[in-house]
Protein backbone atom coordinates (compact mmCIF):
# COMPACT_ATOMS: atom_id res chain seq x y z
CA MET A 1 0.00 0.00 0.00
CA ARG A 2 1.38 3.39 -0.94
CA CYS A 3 0.91 6.17 1.55
CA TRP A 4 1.61 9.89 1.28
CA ARG A 5 1.36 12.54 3.91
CA LEU A 6 0.43 15.99 2.63
CA VAL A 7 1.61 18.80 4.86
CA ASN A 8 0.31 22.35 4.47
CA ASP A 9 2.22 24.63 6.80
CA LEU A 10 1.40 28.31 6.98
CA LEU A 11 4.56 30.25 7.75
CA ASP A 12 4.96 33.62 9.42
CA SER A 13 7.43 36.20 8.12
CA ASN A 14 10.25 34.44 10.00
CA GLY A 15 9.50 31.05 8.43
CA ASN A 16 7.93 29.56 11.56
CA ALA A 17 4.94 27.24 11.17
CA LEU A 18 1.67 28.86 12.27
CA ASN A 19 -0.27 25.62 11.98
CA SER A 20 0.12 22.21 10.46
CA ASP A 21 -2.50 20.23 8.57
CA ASN A 22 -1.42 16.63 7.99
CA MET A 23 -3.46 14.50 5.65
CA ARG A 24 -2.74 10.84 5.00
CA ILE A 25 -3.41 9.78 1.40
CA GLU A 26 -3.39 6.12 0.39
CA ARG A 27 -4.01 4.40 -2.93
CA VAL A 28 -4.81 0.70 -3.23
CA TRP A 29 -6.32 -1.67 -5.79
CA ALA A 30 -9.35 -3.83 -5.07
CA MET A 31 -12.14 -5.55 -6.99
CA PRO A 32 -15.28 -3.43 -7.29
CA ASN A 33 -18.35 -4.41 -5.27
CA LYS A 34 -21.79 -2.81 -5.17
CA HIS A 35 -21.58 -3.22 -1.39
CA THR A 36 -18.91 -0.62 -0.70
CA PHE A 37 -18.08 -1.81 2.80
CA ASP A 38 -17.38 -5.35 1.53
CA ILE A 39 -14.38 -4.00 -0.42
CA LYS A 40 -11.48 -5.23 1.76
CA PRO A 41 -9.40 -2.02 2.04
CA ILE A 42 -12.55 0.02 2.76
CA ARG A 43 -13.64 -2.45 5.46
CA LYS A 44 -10.12 -2.21 6.93
CA LEU A 45 -10.34 1.60 6.93
CA ILE A 46 -13.64 1.45 8.83
CA GLU A 47 -12.20 -0.99 11.37
CA GLU A 48 -9.23 1.34 11.92
CA GLU A 49 -11.25 4.56 12.19
CA MET A 50 -14.53 3.57 13.88
CA PRO A 51 -14.26 4.22 17.63
CA ARG A 52 -14.99 1.28 19.91
CA PRO A 53 -16.82 1.85 22.13
CA GLY A 54 -18.67 4.67 20.47
CA PHE A 55 -22.10 5.57 19.13
CA SER A 56 -22.23 5.30 15.33
CA VAL A 57 -24.93 5.66 12.68
CA ASP A 58 -25.26 4.65 9.03
CA PRO A 59 -28.06 6.34 7.02
CA PHE A 60 -27.45 4.16 3.90
CA ALA A 61 -26.58 0.82 5.54
CA ASN A 62 -27.86 -1.53 2.85
CA LYS A 63 -27.00 -5.02 4.15
CA GLN A 64 -24.27 -3.78 6.51
CA LYS A 65 -24.55 -3.93 10.32
CA LEU A 66 -21.36 -2.04 11.18
CA ALA A 67 -22.91 0.97 12.95
CA SER A 68 -24.75 1.09 16.28
CA VAL A 69 -27.92 2.25 14.49
CA THR A 70 -28.62 1.49 10.83
CA ASN A 71 -31.06 2.74 8.21
CA ASP A 72 -31.88 2.00 4.60
CA LEU A 73 -34.81 3.25 2.56
CA ASP A 74 -35.20 -0.21 1.03
CA PRO A 75 -37.31 -2.40 3.38
CA GLN A 76 -35.67 -5.59 2.06
CA TYR A 77 -32.69 -4.82 4.31
CA ASP A 78 -32.80 -5.75 7.98
CA THR A 79 -31.91 -2.31 9.33
CA ASP A 80 -33.13 -0.55 12.46
CA TYR A 81 -35.03 1.99 10.32
CA ASN A 82 -36.33 2.20 6.75
CA LEU A 83 -36.59 5.98 6.42
CA GLU A 84 -35.43 8.65 4.03
CA ALA A 85 -31.82 9.31 5.08
CA ILE A 86 -32.57 12.93 6.02
CA ASP A 87 -35.45 11.84 8.30
CA PHE A 88 -33.23 9.19 9.89
CA LEU A 89 -30.49 11.73 10.68
CA LYS A 90 -33.05 14.11 12.20
CA ILE A 91 -33.87 11.48 14.86
CA PHE A 92 -30.60 12.17 16.67
CA ASP A 93 -30.02 15.03 19.08
CA THR A 94 -27.36 17.64 18.37
CA GLU A 95 -23.77 16.51 18.96
CA THR A 96 -24.65 13.01 20.25
CA VAL A 97 -22.99 10.84 17.58
CA ASP A 98 -19.34 9.73 17.64
CA PHE A 99 -19.11 8.35 14.11
CA VAL A 100 -21.08 8.35 10.83
CA LEU A 101 -20.68 5.98 7.90
CA PHE A 102 -21.82 7.99 4.87
CA ASP A 103 -22.10 5.97 1.66
CA PRO A 104 -24.99 7.59 -0.23
CA PRO A 105 -25.84 7.08 -3.90
CA TYR A 106 -22.95 8.77 -5.73
CA THR A 107 -24.90 10.47 -8.53
CA PRO A 108 -28.39 11.87 -9.24
CA ARG A 109 -28.88 8.92 -11.62
CA GLN A 110 -28.21 6.43 -8.81
CA VAL A 111 -30.67 8.25 -6.53
CA SER A 112 -33.26 8.18 -9.32
CA GLU A 113 -32.74 4.44 -9.93
CA VAL A 114 -33.20 3.59 -6.23
CA TYR A 115 -36.32 5.75 -5.89
CA LYS A 116 -37.91 4.33 -9.04
CA ARG A 117 -37.13 0.74 -7.98
CA LEU A 118 -38.89 1.39 -4.65
CA GLY A 119 -41.88 3.12 -6.31
CA LYS A 120 -40.97 6.51 -4.85
CA THR A 121 -41.31 9.86 -6.59
CA VAL A 122 -38.18 11.24 -8.21
CA ASN A 123 -38.13 15.04 -8.18
CA MET A 124 -35.79 18.03 -8.04
CA GLU A 125 -35.30 17.56 -4.27
CA THR A 126 -33.85 14.11 -4.77
CA THR A 127 -31.68 14.78 -7.82
CA GLN A 128 -30.07 18.17 -7.13
CA SER A 129 -26.84 18.77 -5.22
CA SER A 130 -28.90 20.08 -2.30
CA TYR A 131 -29.85 16.43 -1.64
CA TRP A 132 -26.27 15.71 -0.50
CA SER A 133 -25.75 19.16 1.09
CA ASN A 134 -28.81 18.77 3.31
CA LEU A 135 -27.58 15.35 4.47
CA LYS A 136 -24.16 16.79 5.30
CA ASP A 137 -25.80 19.64 7.23
CA GLU A 138 -27.59 17.08 9.41
CA ILE A 139 -24.40 15.07 9.85
CA GLN A 140 -22.62 18.25 10.96
CA ARG A 141 -25.37 18.85 13.51
CA ILE A 142 -25.36 15.39 15.10
CA VAL A 143 -21.62 14.62 15.24
CA LYS A 144 -19.82 15.53 18.46
CA PRO A 145 -16.71 17.73 18.30
CA GLY A 146 -13.86 15.24 17.91
CA GLY A 147 -16.22 12.79 16.18
CA ALA A 148 -15.59 11.46 12.70
CA VAL A 149 -17.28 10.65 9.40
CA ILE A 150 -16.19 8.29 6.64
CA SER A 151 -17.69 9.51 3.35
CA CYS A 152 -17.53 7.31 0.27
CA GLY A 153 -18.09 8.47 -3.29
CA TRP A 154 -16.44 9.61 -6.51
CA ASN A 155 -15.02 12.83 -5.04
CA SER A 156 -12.90 13.82 -2.07
CA GLN A 157 -15.10 16.63 -0.77
CA GLY A 158 -15.99 14.96 2.53
CA VAL A 159 -18.33 16.77 4.91
CA GLY A 160 -16.53 20.06 4.42
CA LYS A 161 -14.39 22.65 6.11
CA THR A 162 -17.28 25.14 6.20
CA ARG A 163 -19.16 22.67 8.42
CA GLY A 164 -16.28 22.54 10.91
CA PHE A 165 -14.63 19.34 9.64
CA LYS A 166 -11.02 18.65 8.73
CA ILE A 167 -9.95 15.90 6.32
CA GLU A 168 -7.48 13.60 8.06
CA ARG A 169 -7.25 10.71 5.64
CA ILE A 170 -8.15 9.84 2.04
CA LEU A 171 -8.25 6.31 0.69
CA LEU A 172 -8.34 5.99 -3.12
CA VAL A 173 -9.49 2.53 -4.16
CA CYS A 174 -8.67 1.85 -7.81
CA HIS A 175 -10.84 -0.81 -9.43
CA GLY A 176 -9.03 -1.03 -12.77
CA GLY A 177 -10.38 -0.96 -16.30
CA ASN A 178 -12.96 1.74 -16.88
CA HIS A 179 -14.34 1.63 -13.32
CA ASN A 180 -14.32 4.83 -11.30
CA ASP A 181 -12.16 4.81 -8.19
CA THR A 182 -14.02 4.71 -4.89
CA ILE A 183 -12.81 7.62 -2.77
CA CYS A 184 -13.14 7.39 1.01
CA VAL A 185 -12.62 10.50 3.12
CA VAL A 186 -12.13 10.48 6.89
CA ASP A 187 -13.24 13.82 8.34
CA LYS A 188 -12.90 14.85 11.99
CA LYS A 189 -15.19 17.48 13.47
CA ILE A 190 -12.91 20.11 14.93
CA GLN A 191 -15.53 22.63 16.01
CA SER A 192 -19.21 23.28 16.32
CA ARG A 193 -20.69 25.54 13.68
CA LEU A 194 -21.01 29.08 14.98
CA LEU A 195 -24.27 30.89 14.42
CA VAL A 196 -24.35 34.66 14.41
CA VAL A 197 -27.45 36.00 16.12
CA ASP A 198 -28.42 39.66 16.14
CA GLU A 199 -29.46 40.69 19.61
CA GLU A 200 -31.97 43.47 20.00
């Protein structure tokens, strides 16, 4: 396994580091699998990063039982809940979750296919980028400071710096041929989101 460490140091006028952001980047090869968490290096990443003990949730669990509380919209899966992912995330109180496994459909087309297969309505709410942004807003709300999220997809955006998260690790899983890589991002919540309130 190849591993790189990316270091971004901000220097003052004397060349002294003001802060240091270390990010571990790994690239491995593995066979593709529609069940993301059955891909061996991704399963290994989860085992390394998921806190034990700790309270974890998975809004798109599919057949997986890795988190403390699981959800999948498809009732064929034996999960704790069969809700829309956004409704599932809203169940949890603010800053009560240690860890989130976030493996949503990667594209609007995948969302559309799932909804149609389950006889659900496909509309602008489910196929625009706000679908993923709203989920990440709820994840930001429920994760404790110091908690973590593993996001899987075809980009390395993670939960996002603007939501108070810092990327600590990226795993690129190459599947060969004309398959897209699966990109897994480990984000740590470094702060609560600050809200500015005008007082009268």
